[in-house]
Amino acid sequence: VVLVVSGVVLVVSGVALVVSGVVLVVSGVVIFVAGVVLVVSGTRRVVPGVVLVGTGAVLVVSGVVLVASGAVLVVSSVVLVVSGVVLLLVVGIKDVVTDLVDTAALSSISQ
């Protein structure tokens, strides 16, 4: 049960990372475009425009890294959840078989 709960928590964390990364990418693209507009619009705005372009590019790269790490976390967490469920099923089936064997042994002894 702990494996399954931990896996679900990690999946939620991974999804949050992916969403944060997407927000960063979108923000970076907006800032990048604003910088390009400043660069194109006039000579006095070239330096601030270049700064905005650089900032936007850094945000986009950071967002892509966040999305990738979030995706890795989600995939590994899903594996953890599946492992936990399989473990629960195996233990549960083993308990059921043990109970059946014990019941059969008790009934044969009582006869």
PDB file of N, CA and C in Angstrom:
ATOM      1  N   VAL A   1       0.840  -1.197   0.000  1.00  0.00           N
ATOM      2  CA  VAL A   1       0.000   0.000   0.000  1.00  0.00           C
ATOM      3  C   VAL A   1       0.880   1.252   0.000  1.00  0.00           C
ATOM      4  N   VAL A   2       1.977   1.195   0.768  1.00  0.00           N
ATOM      5  CA  VAL A   2       2.876   2.347   0.832  1.00  0.00           C
ATOM      6  C   VAL A   2       3.470   2.649  -0.538  1.00  0.00           C
ATOM      7  N   LEU A   3       3.833   1.588  -1.274  1.00  0.00           N
ATOM      8  CA  LEU A   3       4.373   1.791  -2.621  1.00  0.00           C
ATOM      9  C   LEU A   3       3.368   2.486  -3.527  1.00  0.00           C
ATOM     10  N   VAL A   4       2.130   2.054  -3.457  1.00  0.00           N
ATOM     11  CA  VAL A   4       1.092   2.627  -4.320  1.00  0.00           C
ATOM     12  C   VAL A   4       0.859   4.092  -3.963  1.00  0.00           C
ATOM     13  N   VAL A   5       0.728   4.381  -2.663  1.00  0.00           N
ATOM     14  CA  VAL A   5       0.483   5.770  -2.231  1.00  0.00           C
ATOM     15  C   VAL A   5       1.674   6.651  -2.600  1.00  0.00           C
ATOM     16  N   SER A   6       2.885   6.158  -2.350  1.00  0.00           N
ATOM     17  CA  SER A   6       4.082   6.927  -2.709  1.00  0.00           C
ATOM     18  C   SER A   6       4.123   7.183  -4.211  1.00  0.00           C
ATOM     19  N   GLY A   7       3.800   6.173  -4.974  1.00  0.00           N
ATOM     20  CA  GLY A   7       3.796   6.329  -6.429  1.00  0.00           C
ATOM     21  C   GLY A   7       2.789   7.352  -6.893  1.00  0.00           C
ATOM     22  N   VAL A   8       1.612   7.340  -6.299  1.00  0.00           N
ATOM     23  CA  VAL A   8       0.575   8.310  -6.688  1.00  0.00           C
ATOM     24  C   VAL A   8       1.031   9.728  -6.340  1.00  0.00           C
ATOM     25  N   VAL A   9       1.619   9.892  -5.154  1.00  0.00           N
ATOM     26  CA  VAL A   9       2.124  11.210  -4.760  1.00  0.00           C
ATOM     27  C   VAL A   9       3.197  11.680  -5.734  1.00  0.00           C
ATOM     28  N   LEU A  10       4.079  10.769  -6.136  1.00  0.00           N
ATOM     29  CA  LEU A  10       5.124  11.131  -7.093  1.00  0.00           C
ATOM     30  C   LEU A  10       4.549  11.455  -8.470  1.00  0.00           C
ATOM     31  N   VAL A  11       3.506  10.753  -8.876  1.00  0.00           N
ATOM     32  CA  VAL A  11       2.862  11.065 -10.157  1.00  0.00           C
ATOM     33  C   VAL A  11       2.303  12.487 -10.120  1.00  0.00           C
ATOM     34  N   VAL A  12       1.634  12.827  -9.019  1.00  0.00           N
ATOM     35  CA  VAL A  12       1.073  14.186  -8.891  1.00  0.00           C
ATOM     36  C   VAL A  12       2.204  15.218  -8.929  1.00  0.00           C
ATOM     37  N   SER A  13       3.310  14.922  -8.238  1.00  0.00           N
ATOM     38  CA  SER A  13       4.456  15.844  -8.256  1.00  0.00           C
ATOM     39  C   SER A  13       5.018  15.986  -9.667  1.00  0.00           C
ATOM     40  N   GLY A  14       5.111  14.881 -10.370  1.00  0.00           N
ATOM     41  CA  GLY A  14       5.612  14.925 -11.740  1.00  0.00           C
ATOM     42  C   GLY A  14       4.718  15.736 -12.657  1.00  0.00           C
ATOM     43  N   VAL A  15       3.417  15.574 -12.504  1.00  0.00           N
ATOM     44  CA  VAL A  15       2.475  16.353 -13.319  1.00  0.00           C
ATOM     45  C   VAL A  15       2.617  17.841 -12.991  1.00  0.00           C
ATOM     46  N   ALA A  16       2.796  18.160 -11.699  1.00  0.00           N
ATOM     47  CA  ALA A  16       2.994  19.564 -11.313  1.00  0.00           C
ATOM     48  C   ALA A  16       4.264  20.125 -11.950  1.00  0.00           C
ATOM     49  N   LEU A  17       5.319  19.311 -11.994  1.00  0.00           N
ATOM     50  CA  LEU A  17       6.559  19.747 -12.654  1.00  0.00           C
ATOM     51  C   LEU A  17       6.333  20.006 -14.146  1.00  0.00           C
ATOM     52  N   VAL A  18       5.602  19.118 -14.782  1.00  0.00           N
ATOM     53  CA  VAL A  18       5.323  19.290 -16.210  1.00  0.00           C
ATOM     54  C   VAL A  18       4.532  20.576 -16.446  1.00  0.00           C
ATOM     55  N   VAL A  19       3.519  20.813 -15.625  1.00  0.00           N
ATOM     56  CA  VAL A  19       2.703  22.026 -15.782  1.00  0.00           C
ATOM     57  C   VAL A  19       3.562  23.274 -15.557  1.00  0.00           C
ATOM     58  N   SER A  20       4.405  23.236 -14.516  1.00  0.00           N
ATOM     59  CA  SER A  20       5.297  24.374 -14.262  1.00  0.00           C
ATOM     60  C   SER A  20       6.228  24.616 -15.446  1.00  0.00           C
ATOM     61  N   GLY A  21       6.739  23.535 -15.999  1.00  0.00           N
ATOM     62  CA  GLY A  21       7.613  23.656 -17.162  1.00  0.00           C
ATOM     63  C   GLY A  21       6.906  24.269 -18.358  1.00  0.00           C
ATOM     64  N   VAL A  22       5.672  23.862 -18.587  1.00  0.00           N
ATOM     65  CA  VAL A  22       4.900  24.421 -19.704  1.00  0.00           C
ATOM     66  C   VAL A  22       4.665  25.916 -19.483  1.00  0.00           C
ATOM     67  N   VAL A  23       4.346  26.301 -18.240  1.00  0.00           N
ATOM     68  CA  VAL A  23       4.148  27.721 -17.928  1.00  0.00           C
ATOM     69  C   VAL A  23       5.440  28.498 -18.194  1.00  0.00           C
ATOM     70  N   LEU A  24       6.574  27.920 -17.793  1.00  0.00           N
ATOM     71  CA  LEU A  24       7.863  28.577 -18.052  1.00  0.00           C
ATOM     72  C   LEU A  24       8.127  28.725 -19.549  1.00  0.00           C
ATOM     73  N   VAL A  25       7.837  27.684 -20.292  1.00  0.00           N
ATOM     74  CA  VAL A  25       8.058  27.739 -21.744  1.00  0.00           C
ATOM     75  C   VAL A  25       7.200  28.832 -22.365  1.00  0.00           C
ATOM     76  N   VAL A  26       5.927  28.874 -21.997  1.00  0.00           N
ATOM     77  CA  VAL A  26       5.025  29.890 -22.557  1.00  0.00           C
ATOM     78  C   VAL A  26       5.503  31.290 -22.177  1.00  0.00           C
ATOM     79  N   SER A  27       5.870  31.480 -20.900  1.00  0.00           N
ATOM     80  CA  SER A  27       6.374  32.783 -20.464  1.00  0.00           C
ATOM     81  C   SER A  27       7.635  33.154 -21.231  1.00  0.00           C
ATOM     82  N   GLY A  28       8.524  32.189 -21.393  1.00  0.00           N
ATOM     83  CA  GLY A  28       9.762  32.443 -22.130  1.00  0.00           C
ATOM     84  C   GLY A  28       9.507  32.846 -23.567  1.00  0.00           C
ATOM     85  N   VAL A  29       8.553  32.197 -24.206  1.00  0.00           N
ATOM     86  CA  VAL A  29       8.229  32.538 -25.602  1.00  0.00           C
ATOM     87  C   VAL A  29       7.672  33.959 -25.676  1.00  0.00           C
ATOM     88  N   VAL A  30       6.800  34.315 -24.736  1.00  0.00           N
ATOM     89  CA  VAL A  30       6.218  35.668 -24.723  1.00  0.00           C
ATOM     90  C   VAL A  30       7.324  36.710 -24.541  1.00  0.00           C
ATOM     91  N   ILE A  31       8.216  36.464 -23.578  1.00  0.00           N
ATOM     92  CA  ILE A  31       9.312  37.410 -23.328  1.00  0.00           C
ATOM     93  C   ILE A  31      10.249  37.475 -24.532  1.00  0.00           C
ATOM     94  N   PHE A  32      10.523  36.325 -25.138  1.00  0.00           N
ATOM     95  CA  PHE A  32      11.378  36.267 -26.313  1.00  0.00           C
ATOM     96  C   PHE A  32      10.784  37.101 -27.451  1.00  0.00           C
ATOM     97  N   VAL A  33       9.499  36.924 -27.702  1.00  0.00           N
ATOM     98  CA  VAL A  33       8.825  37.671 -28.773  1.00  0.00           C
ATOM     99  C   VAL A  33       8.842  39.169 -28.467  1.00  0.00           C
ATOM    100  N   ALA A  34       8.597  39.527 -27.188  1.00  0.00           N
ATOM    101  CA  ALA A  34       8.650  40.942 -26.814  1.00  0.00           C
ATOM    102  C   ALA A  34      10.036  41.519 -27.080  1.00  0.00           C
ATOM    103  N   GLY A  35      11.069  40.732 -26.778  1.00  0.00           N
ATOM    104  CA  GLY A  35      12.431  41.187 -27.051  1.00  0.00           C
ATOM    105  C   GLY A  35      12.694  41.373 -28.527  1.00  0.00           C
ATOM    106  N   VAL A  36      12.223  40.451 -29.345  1.00  0.00           N
ATOM    107  CA  VAL A  36      12.396  40.574 -30.796  1.00  0.00           C
ATOM    108  C   VAL A  36      11.686  41.820 -31.305  1.00  0.00           C
ATOM    109  N   VAL A  37      10.491  42.080 -30.796  1.00  0.00           N
ATOM    110  CA  VAL A  37       9.746  43.282 -31.202  1.00  0.00           C
ATOM    111  C   VAL A  37      10.538  44.538 -30.841  1.00  0.00           C
ATOM    112  N   LEU A  38      11.124  44.548 -29.626  1.00  0.00           N
ATOM    113  CA  LEU A  38      11.932  45.706 -29.227  1.00  0.00           C
ATOM    114  C   LEU A  38      13.155  45.882 -30.131  1.00  0.00           C
ATOM    115  N   VAL A  39      13.820  44.781 -30.450  1.00  0.00           N
ATOM    116  CA  VAL A  39      15.003  44.864 -31.303  1.00  0.00           C
ATOM    117  C   VAL A  39      14.631  45.399 -32.678  1.00  0.00           C
ATOM    118  N   VAL A  40      13.537  44.926 -33.223  1.00  0.00           N
ATOM    119  CA  VAL A  40      13.121  45.326 -34.566  1.00  0.00           C
ATOM    120  C   VAL A  40      12.605  46.768 -34.578  1.00  0.00           C
ATOM    121  N   SER A  41      12.021  47.209 -33.462  1.00  0.00           N
ATOM    122  CA  SER A  41      11.323  48.493 -33.466  1.00  0.00           C
ATOM    123  C   SER A  41      12.230  49.717 -33.455  1.00  0.00           C
ATOM    124  N   GLY A  42      13.439  49.622 -32.961  1.00  0.00           N
ATOM    125  CA  GLY A  42      14.256  50.833 -32.983  1.00  0.00           C
ATOM    126  C   GLY A  42      15.625  50.638 -32.380  1.00  0.00           C
ATOM    127  N   THR A  43      16.505  51.597 -32.711  1.00  0.00           N
ATOM    128  CA  THR A  43      17.899  51.482 -32.284  1.00  0.00           C
ATOM    129  C   THR A  43      18.060  51.663 -30.780  1.00  0.00           C
ATOM    130  N   ARG A  44      17.276  52.489 -30.142  1.00  0.00           N
ATOM    131  CA  ARG A  44      17.411  52.709 -28.704  1.00  0.00           C
ATOM    132  C   ARG A  44      16.911  51.520 -27.883  1.00  0.00           C
ATOM    133  N   ARG A  45      16.170  50.672 -28.524  1.00  0.00           N
ATOM    134  CA  ARG A  45      15.581  49.540 -27.793  1.00  0.00           C
ATOM    135  C   ARG A  45      16.289  48.221 -28.077  1.00  0.00           C
ATOM    136  N   VAL A  46      17.398  48.269 -28.762  1.00  0.00           N
ATOM    137  CA  VAL A  46      18.075  47.033 -29.150  1.00  0.00           C
ATOM    138  C   VAL A  46      18.639  46.300 -27.931  1.00  0.00           C
ATOM    139  N   VAL A  47      19.308  47.034 -27.050  1.00  0.00           N
ATOM    140  CA  VAL A  47      19.924  46.374 -25.887  1.00  0.00           C
ATOM    141  C   VAL A  47      18.862  45.753 -24.970  1.00  0.00           C
ATOM    142  N   PRO A  48      17.816  46.515 -24.590  1.00  0.00           N
ATOM    143  CA  PRO A  48      16.776  45.859 -23.777  1.00  0.00           C
ATOM    144  C   PRO A  48      16.112  44.687 -24.518  1.00  0.00           C
ATOM    145  N   GLY A  49      15.979  44.831 -25.819  1.00  0.00           N
ATOM    146  CA  GLY A  49      15.390  43.747 -26.612  1.00  0.00           C
ATOM    147  C   GLY A  49      16.246  42.502 -26.591  1.00  0.00           C
ATOM    148  N   VAL A  50      17.561  42.690 -26.717  1.00  0.00           N
ATOM    149  CA  VAL A  50      18.481  41.544 -26.676  1.00  0.00           C
ATOM    150  C   VAL A  50      18.438  40.884 -25.298  1.00  0.00           C
ATOM    151  N   VAL A  51      18.365  41.709 -24.246  1.00  0.00           N
ATOM    152  CA  VAL A  51      18.255  41.159 -22.888  1.00  0.00           C
ATOM    153  C   VAL A  51      16.980  40.336 -22.753  1.00  0.00           C
ATOM    154  N   LEU A  52      15.885  40.854 -23.277  1.00  0.00           N
ATOM    155  CA  LEU A  52      14.618  40.107 -23.213  1.00  0.00           C
ATOM    156  C   LEU A  52      14.685  38.820 -24.032  1.00  0.00           C
ATOM    157  N   VAL A  53      15.313  38.873 -25.179  1.00  0.00           N
ATOM    158  CA  VAL A  53      15.454  37.675 -26.006  1.00  0.00           C
ATOM    159  C   VAL A  53      16.247  36.616 -25.244  1.00  0.00           C
ATOM    160  N   GLY A  54      17.356  37.036 -24.625  1.00  0.00           N
ATOM    161  CA  GLY A  54      18.163  36.090 -23.847  1.00  0.00           C
ATOM    162  C   GLY A  54      17.407  35.518 -22.666  1.00  0.00           C
ATOM    163  N   THR A  55      16.689  36.389 -21.961  1.00  0.00           N
ATOM    164  CA  THR A  55      15.893  35.932 -20.816  1.00  0.00           C
ATOM    165  C   THR A  55      14.822  34.943 -21.263  1.00  0.00           C
ATOM    166  N   GLY A  56      14.158  35.266 -22.353  1.00  0.00           N
ATOM    167  CA  GLY A  56      13.126  34.369 -22.871  1.00  0.00           C
ATOM    168  C   GLY A  56      13.698  33.021 -23.264  1.00  0.00           C
ATOM    169  N   ALA A  57      14.879  33.038 -23.883  1.00  0.00           N
ATOM    170  CA  ALA A  57      15.508  31.775 -24.288  1.00  0.00           C
ATOM    171  C   ALA A  57      15.868  30.926 -23.069  1.00  0.00           C
ATOM    172  N   VAL A  58      16.399  31.571 -22.030  1.00  0.00           N
ATOM    173  CA  VAL A  58      16.740  30.840 -20.801  1.00  0.00           C
ATOM    174  C   VAL A  58      15.485  30.240 -20.169  1.00  0.00           C
ATOM    175  N   LEU A  59      14.401  31.011 -20.143  1.00  0.00           N
ATOM    176  CA  LEU A  59      13.142  30.494 -19.579  1.00  0.00           C
ATOM    177  C   LEU A  59      12.622  29.308 -20.377  1.00  0.00           C
ATOM    178  N   VAL A  60      12.714  29.381 -21.686  1.00  0.00           N
ATOM    179  CA  VAL A  60      12.234  28.271 -22.526  1.00  0.00           C
ATOM    180  C   VAL A  60      13.056  27.013 -22.245  1.00  0.00           C
ATOM    181  N   VAL A  61      14.380  27.159 -22.187  1.00  0.00           N
ATOM    182  CA  VAL A  61      15.234  25.992 -21.922  1.00  0.00           C
ATOM    183  C   VAL A  61      14.939  25.419 -20.532  1.00  0.00           C
ATOM    184  N   SER A  62      14.808  26.307 -19.540  1.00  0.00           N
ATOM    185  CA  SER A  62      14.486  25.843 -18.181  1.00  0.00           C
ATOM    186  C   SER A  62      13.145  25.115 -18.159  1.00  0.00           C
ATOM    187  N   GLY A  63      12.170  25.645 -18.871  1.00  0.00           N
ATOM    188  CA  GLY A  63      10.857  25.005 -18.931  1.00  0.00           C
ATOM    189  C   GLY A  63      10.917  23.637 -19.576  1.00  0.00           C
ATOM    190  N   VAL A  64      11.704  23.525 -20.639  1.00  0.00           N
ATOM    191  CA  VAL A  64      11.835  22.222 -21.312  1.00  0.00           C
ATOM    192  C   VAL A  64      12.488  21.209 -20.370  1.00  0.00           C
ATOM    193  N   VAL A  65      13.499  21.651 -19.619  1.00  0.00           N
ATOM    194  CA  VAL A  65      14.148  20.757 -18.652  1.00  0.00           C
ATOM    195  C   VAL A  65      13.150  20.315 -17.582  1.00  0.00           C
ATOM    196  N   LEU A  66      12.336  21.258 -17.094  1.00  0.00           N
ATOM    197  CA  LEU A  66      11.318  20.908 -16.095  1.00  0.00           C
ATOM    198  C   LEU A  66      10.307  19.912 -16.651  1.00  0.00           C
ATOM    199  N   VAL A  67       9.870  20.141 -17.868  1.00  0.00           N
ATOM    200  CA  VAL A  67       8.905  19.221 -18.481  1.00  0.00           C
ATOM    201  C   VAL A  67       9.517  17.830 -18.608  1.00  0.00           C
ATOM    202  N   ALA A  68      10.770  17.771 -19.044  1.00  0.00           N
ATOM    203  CA  ALA A  68      11.430  16.474 -19.212  1.00  0.00           C
ATOM    204  C   ALA A  68      11.592  15.763 -17.868  1.00  0.00           C
ATOM    205  N   SER A  69      12.034  16.491 -16.849  1.00  0.00           N
ATOM    206  CA  SER A  69      12.220  15.841 -15.547  1.00  0.00           C
ATOM    207  C   SER A  69      10.880  15.431 -14.948  1.00  0.00           C
ATOM    208  N   GLY A  70       9.845  16.234 -15.164  1.00  0.00           N
ATOM    209  CA  GLY A  70       8.516  15.856 -14.693  1.00  0.00           C
ATOM    210  C   GLY A  70       8.009  14.602 -15.384  1.00  0.00           C
ATOM    211  N   ALA A  71       8.281  14.506 -16.690  1.00  0.00           N
ATOM    212  CA  ALA A  71       7.852  13.320 -17.432  1.00  0.00           C
ATOM    213  C   ALA A  71       8.581  12.072 -16.933  1.00  0.00           C
ATOM    214  N   VAL A  72       9.876  12.203 -16.654  1.00  0.00           N
ATOM    215  CA  VAL A  72      10.642  11.072 -16.118  1.00  0.00           C
ATOM    216  C   VAL A  72      10.080  10.659 -14.760  1.00  0.00           C
ATOM    217  N   LEU A  73       9.762  11.644 -13.933  1.00  0.00           N
ATOM    218  CA  LEU A  73       9.199  11.353 -12.611  1.00  0.00           C
ATOM    219  C   LEU A  73       7.847  10.644 -12.728  1.00  0.00           C
ATOM    220  N   VAL A  74       7.024  11.097 -13.656  1.00  0.00           N
ATOM    221  CA  VAL A  74       5.714  10.466 -13.845  1.00  0.00           C
ATOM    222  C   VAL A  74       5.881   9.014 -14.292  1.00  0.00           C
ATOM    223  N   VAL A  75       6.758   8.779 -15.254  1.00  0.00           N
ATOM    224  CA  VAL A  75       6.948   7.411 -15.765  1.00  0.00           C
ATOM    225  C   VAL A  75       7.481   6.488 -14.671  1.00  0.00           C
ATOM    226  N   SER A  76       8.500   6.951 -13.937  1.00  0.00           N
ATOM    227  CA  SER A  76       9.054   6.095 -12.889  1.00  0.00           C
ATOM    228  C   SER A  76       8.040   5.880 -11.768  1.00  0.00           C
ATOM    229  N   SER A  77       7.207   6.862 -11.507  1.00  0.00           N
ATOM    230  CA  SER A  77       6.187   6.721 -10.465  1.00  0.00           C
ATOM    231  C   SER A  77       5.101   5.738 -10.879  1.00  0.00           C
ATOM    232  N   VAL A  78       4.749   5.759 -12.155  1.00  0.00           N
ATOM    233  CA  VAL A  78       3.759   4.797 -12.649  1.00  0.00           C
ATOM    234  C   VAL A  78       4.308   3.379 -12.491  1.00  0.00           C
ATOM    235  N   VAL A  79       5.596   3.203 -12.768  1.00  0.00           N
ATOM    236  CA  VAL A  79       6.220   1.889 -12.565  1.00  0.00           C
ATOM    237  C   VAL A  79       6.130   1.494 -11.093  1.00  0.00           C
ATOM    238  N   LEU A  80       6.361   2.462 -10.207  1.00  0.00           N
ATOM    239  CA  LEU A  80       6.268   2.199  -8.766  1.00  0.00           C
ATOM    240  C   LEU A  80       4.850   1.793  -8.365  1.00  0.00           C
ATOM    241  N   VAL A  81       3.863   2.490  -8.893  1.00  0.00           N
ATOM    242  CA  VAL A  81       2.463   2.161  -8.582  1.00  0.00           C
ATOM    243  C   VAL A  81       2.126   0.764  -9.091  1.00  0.00           C
ATOM    244  N   VAL A  82       2.522   0.461 -10.318  1.00  0.00           N
ATOM    245  CA  VAL A  82       2.233  -0.859 -10.886  1.00  0.00           C
ATOM    246  C   VAL A  82       2.916  -1.953 -10.061  1.00  0.00           C
ATOM    247  N   SER A  83       4.158  -1.692  -9.650  1.00  0.00           N
ATOM    248  CA  SER A  83       4.859  -2.670  -8.808  1.00  0.00           C
ATOM    249  C   SER A  83       4.122  -2.891  -7.498  1.00  0.00           C
ATOM    250  N   GLY A  84       3.648  -1.809  -6.900  1.00  0.00           N
ATOM    251  CA  GLY A  84       2.897  -1.926  -5.652  1.00  0.00           C
ATOM    252  C   GLY A  84       1.610  -2.703  -5.815  1.00  0.00           C
ATOM    253  N   VAL A  85       0.899  -2.446  -6.910  1.00  0.00           N
ATOM    254  CA  VAL A  85      -0.360  -3.160  -7.161  1.00  0.00           C
ATOM    255  C   VAL A  85      -0.085  -4.644  -7.391  1.00  0.00           C
ATOM    256  N   VAL A  86       0.950  -4.947  -8.169  1.00  0.00           N
ATOM    257  CA  VAL A  86       1.307  -6.356  -8.417  1.00  0.00           C
ATOM    258  C   VAL A  86       1.676  -7.038  -7.108  1.00  0.00           C
ATOM    259  N   LEU A  87       2.453  -6.334  -6.283  1.00  0.00           N
ATOM    260  CA  LEU A  87       2.841  -6.888  -4.984  1.00  0.00           C
ATOM    261  C   LEU A  87       1.614  -7.156  -4.113  1.00  0.00           C
ATOM    262  N   LEU A  88       0.682  -6.207  -4.106  1.00  0.00           N
ATOM    263  CA  LEU A  88      -0.558  -6.399  -3.335  1.00  0.00           C
ATOM    264  C   LEU A  88      -1.337  -7.608  -3.845  1.00  0.00           C
ATOM    265  N   LEU A  89      -1.406  -7.730  -5.170  1.00  0.00           N
ATOM    266  CA  LEU A  89      -2.140  -8.868  -5.749  1.00  0.00           C
ATOM    267  C   LEU A  89      -1.472 -10.190  -5.399  1.00  0.00           C
ATOM    268  N   VAL A  90      -0.141 -10.224  -5.507  1.00  0.00           N
ATOM    269  CA  VAL A  90       0.590 -11.462  -5.211  1.00  0.00           C
ATOM    270  C   VAL A  90       0.399 -11.849  -3.753  1.00  0.00           C
ATOM    271  N   VAL A  91       0.561 -10.880  -2.854  1.00  0.00           N
ATOM    272  CA  VAL A  91       0.387 -11.156  -1.420  1.00  0.00           C
ATOM    273  C   VAL A  91      -1.055 -11.564  -1.138  1.00  0.00           C
ATOM    274  N   GLY A  92      -2.000 -10.864  -1.763  1.00  0.00           N
ATOM    275  CA  GLY A  92      -3.414 -11.192  -1.567  1.00  0.00           C
ATOM    276  C   GLY A  92      -3.748 -12.584  -2.057  1.00  0.00           C
ATOM    277  N   ILE A  93      -3.252 -12.952  -3.231  1.00  0.00           N
ATOM    278  CA  ILE A  93      -3.512 -14.288  -3.775  1.00  0.00           C
ATOM    279  C   ILE A  93      -2.864 -15.348  -2.879  1.00  0.00           C
ATOM    280  N   LYS A  94      -1.649 -15.061  -2.418  1.00  0.00           N
ATOM    281  CA  LYS A  94      -0.955 -16.006  -1.529  1.00  0.00           C
ATOM    282  C   LYS A  94      -1.765 -16.218  -0.250  1.00  0.00           C
ATOM    283  N   ASP A  95      -2.315 -15.140   0.312  1.00  0.00           N
ATOM    284  CA  ASP A  95      -3.131 -15.256   1.526  1.00  0.00           C
ATOM    285  C   ASP A  95      -4.394 -16.071   1.273  1.00  0.00           C
ATOM    286  N   VAL A  96      -5.017 -15.850   0.129  1.00  0.00           N
ATOM    287  CA  VAL A  96      -6.241 -16.598  -0.196  1.00  0.00           C
ATOM    288  C   VAL A  96      -5.923 -18.077  -0.341  1.00  0.00           C
ATOM    289  N   VAL A  97      -4.828 -18.399  -1.051  1.00  0.00           N
ATOM    290  CA  VAL A  97      -4.450 -19.805  -1.240  1.00  0.00           C
ATOM    291  C   VAL A  97      -4.112 -20.442   0.106  1.00  0.00           C
ATOM    292  N   THR A  98      -3.384 -19.698   0.941  1.00  0.00           N
ATOM    293  CA  THR A  98      -3.042 -20.215   2.277  1.00  0.00           C
ATOM    294  C   THR A  98      -4.299 -20.495   3.082  1.00  0.00           C
ATOM    295  N   ASP A  99      -5.261 -19.580   3.041  1.00  0.00           N
ATOM    296  CA  ASP A  99      -6.521 -19.779   3.761  1.00  0.00           C
ATOM    297  C   ASP A  99      -7.267 -21.010   3.247  1.00  0.00           C
ATOM    298  N   LEU A 100      -7.285 -21.182   1.927  1.00  0.00           N
ATOM    299  CA  LEU A 100      -7.971 -22.340   1.352  1.00  0.00           C
ATOM    300  C   LEU A 100      -7.301 -23.646   1.773  1.00  0.00           C
ATOM    301  N   VAL A 101      -5.981 -23.666   1.733  1.00  0.00           N
ATOM    302  CA  VAL A 101      -5.241 -24.867   2.149  1.00  0.00           C
ATOM    303  C   VAL A 101      -5.485 -25.159   3.626  1.00  0.00           C
ATOM    304  N   ASP A 102      -5.438 -24.131   4.460  1.00  0.00           N
ATOM    305  CA  ASP A 102      -5.684 -24.312   5.896  1.00  0.00           C
ATOM    306  C   ASP A 102      -7.102 -24.827   6.138  1.00  0.00           C
ATOM    307  N   THR A 103      -8.059 -24.283   5.441  1.00  0.00           N
ATOM    308  CA  THR A 103      -9.448 -24.719   5.617  1.00  0.00           C
ATOM    309  C   THR A 103      -9.602 -26.178   5.179  1.00  0.00           C
ATOM    310  N   ALA A 104      -8.984 -26.526   4.059  1.00  0.00           N
ATOM    311  CA  ALA A 104      -9.059 -27.918   3.576  1.00  0.00           C
ATOM    312  C   ALA A 104      -8.385 -28.859   4.564  1.00  0.00           C
ATOM    313  N   ALA A 105      -7.245 -28.441   5.102  1.00  0.00           N
ATOM    314  CA  ALA A 105      -6.534 -29.296   6.073  1.00  0.00           C
ATOM    315  C   ALA A 105      -7.358 -29.464   7.340  1.00  0.00           C
ATOM    316  N   LEU A 106      -7.971 -28.398   7.816  1.00  0.00           N
ATOM    317  CA  LEU A 106      -8.785 -28.492   9.020  1.00  0.00           C
ATOM    318  C   LEU A 106     -10.009 -29.378   8.817  1.00  0.00           C
ATOM    319  N   SER A 107     -10.625 -29.253   7.642  1.00  0.00           N
ATOM    320  CA  SER A 107     -11.810 -30.076   7.386  1.00  0.00           C
ATOM    321  C   SER A 107     -11.443 -31.563   7.261  1.00  0.00           C
ATOM    322  N   SER A 108     -10.278 -31.864   6.687  1.00  0.00           N
ATOM    323  CA  SER A 108      -9.874 -33.263   6.546  1.00  0.00           C
ATOM    324  C   SER A 108      -9.470 -33.839   7.919  1.00  0.00           C
ATOM    325  N   ILE A 109      -8.915 -32.992   8.768  1.00  0.00           N
ATOM    326  CA  ILE A 109      -8.539 -33.457  10.102  1.00  0.00           C
ATOM    327  C   ILE A 109      -9.794 -33.744  10.946  1.00  0.00           C
ATOM    328  N   SER A 110     -10.771 -32.867  10.804  1.00  0.00           N
ATOM    329  CA  SER A 110     -11.981 -33.023  11.604  1.00  0.00           C
ATOM    330  C   SER A 110     -12.796 -34.242  11.153  1.00  0.00           C
ATOM    331  N   GLN A 111     -12.598 -34.666   9.931  1.00  0.00           N
ATOM    332  CA  GLN A 111     -13.333 -35.849   9.457  1.00  0.00           C
ATOM    333  C   GLN A 111     -12.612 -37.067   9.940  1.00  0.00           C
TER     334      GLN A 111
END
